[in-house]
């Protein structure tokens, strides 16, 4: 692809996770970070699933730090009742 968007990266990560290719999903996440891709909730979700499946505590802690740094909070996505 000539241009990759965050949707492209998210889709690839989700596809890897759905096909039990957890290490590939984590590698892709790191590549996305190095390329300056803006993280979104779908990427974070895929990476957390992959690291949980691999019992990769260190990666989960790193993802948590990214979530805190970027500012993805639970309150942002809560619906008003």
Protein backbone atom coordinates (compact mmCIF):
# COMPACT_ATOMS: atom_id res chain seq x y z
CA UNK A 1 0.00 0.00 0.00
CA UNK A 2 1.36 3.42 -0.86
CA UNK A 3 -0.21 5.02 2.22
CA UNK A 4 -1.13 3.32 5.45
CA UNK A 5 -3.68 4.84 7.81
CA UNK A 6 -4.49 3.93 11.39
CA UNK A 7 -7.39 1.89 9.97
CA UNK A 8 -4.95 -0.19 7.94
CA UNK A 9 -2.75 -0.85 10.95
CA UNK A 10 -5.77 -1.63 13.17
CA UNK A 11 -7.20 -4.07 10.64
CA UNK A 12 -3.93 -5.93 10.30
CA UNK A 13 -3.50 -6.23 14.05
CA UNK A 14 -7.06 -7.43 14.54
CA UNK A 15 -6.61 -9.98 11.75
CA UNK A 16 -3.46 -11.34 13.36
CA UNK A 17 -5.21 -11.66 16.73
CA UNK A 18 -8.27 -13.35 15.22
CA UNK A 19 -5.98 -15.92 13.59
CA UNK A 20 -4.00 -16.55 16.79
CA UNK A 21 -0.88 -14.82 15.41
CA UNK A 22 -0.26 -12.91 18.61
CA UNK A 23 3.47 -12.35 18.23
CA UNK A 24 2.94 -10.90 14.76
CA UNK A 25 0.30 -8.54 16.17
CA UNK A 26 2.73 -7.31 18.82
CA UNK A 27 5.51 -6.86 16.24
CA UNK A 28 3.15 -4.90 14.02
CA UNK A 29 2.17 -2.70 16.96
CA UNK A 30 5.82 -1.90 17.65
CA UNK A 31 6.39 -1.14 13.97
CA UNK A 32 3.37 1.17 13.96
CA UNK A 33 4.76 3.00 16.99
CA UNK A 34 8.17 3.42 15.35
CA UNK A 35 6.46 4.83 12.25
CA UNK A 36 4.59 7.41 14.31
CA UNK A 37 1.12 5.98 13.72
CA UNK A 38 -1.53 7.55 15.94
CA UNK A 39 -2.90 4.87 18.28
CA UNK A 40 -6.62 4.22 18.42
CA UNK A 41 -8.82 2.10 20.67
CA UNK A 42 -8.94 -0.75 18.16
CA UNK A 43 -5.16 -1.07 18.10
CA UNK A 44 -5.00 -0.96 21.86
CA UNK A 45 -7.69 -3.63 22.13
CA UNK A 46 -5.89 -5.94 19.69
CA UNK A 47 -2.56 -5.52 21.43
CA UNK A 48 -4.07 -6.19 24.85
CA UNK A 49 -5.71 -9.36 23.51
CA UNK A 50 -2.43 -10.50 21.96
CA UNK A 51 -0.37 -9.83 25.06
CA UNK A 52 -2.97 -11.53 27.27
CA UNK A 53 -2.93 -14.62 25.07
CA UNK A 54 0.87 -14.72 25.29
CA UNK A 55 0.82 -13.97 29.01
CA UNK A 56 3.11 -11.07 28.18
CA UNK A 57 2.86 -8.94 31.29
CA UNK A 58 5.61 -6.56 30.23
CA UNK A 59 3.84 -5.71 26.96
CA UNK A 60 0.55 -5.16 28.78
CA UNK A 61 2.25 -2.74 31.14
CA UNK A 62 3.77 -0.90 28.18
CA UNK A 63 0.38 -0.71 26.47
CA UNK A 64 -1.17 0.56 29.69
CA UNK A 65 1.48 3.29 29.84
CA UNK A 66 0.68 4.25 26.24
CA UNK A 67 -3.05 4.35 27.02
CA UNK A 68 -2.39 6.67 29.96
CA UNK A 69 -0.03 8.86 27.92
CA UNK A 70 -2.35 9.16 24.92
CA UNK A 71 -5.36 9.75 27.15
CA UNK A 72 -7.71 6.94 26.22
CA UNK A 73 -9.96 6.96 29.23
CA UNK A 74 -13.03 4.91 30.06
CA UNK A 75 -15.06 8.08 30.51
CA UNK A 76 -14.50 9.16 26.90
CA UNK A 77 -16.50 6.28 25.51
CA UNK A 78 -19.24 6.06 28.08
CA UNK A 79 -22.75 6.81 26.83
CA UNK A 80 -24.89 9.32 28.57
CA UNK A 81 -27.94 7.71 30.14
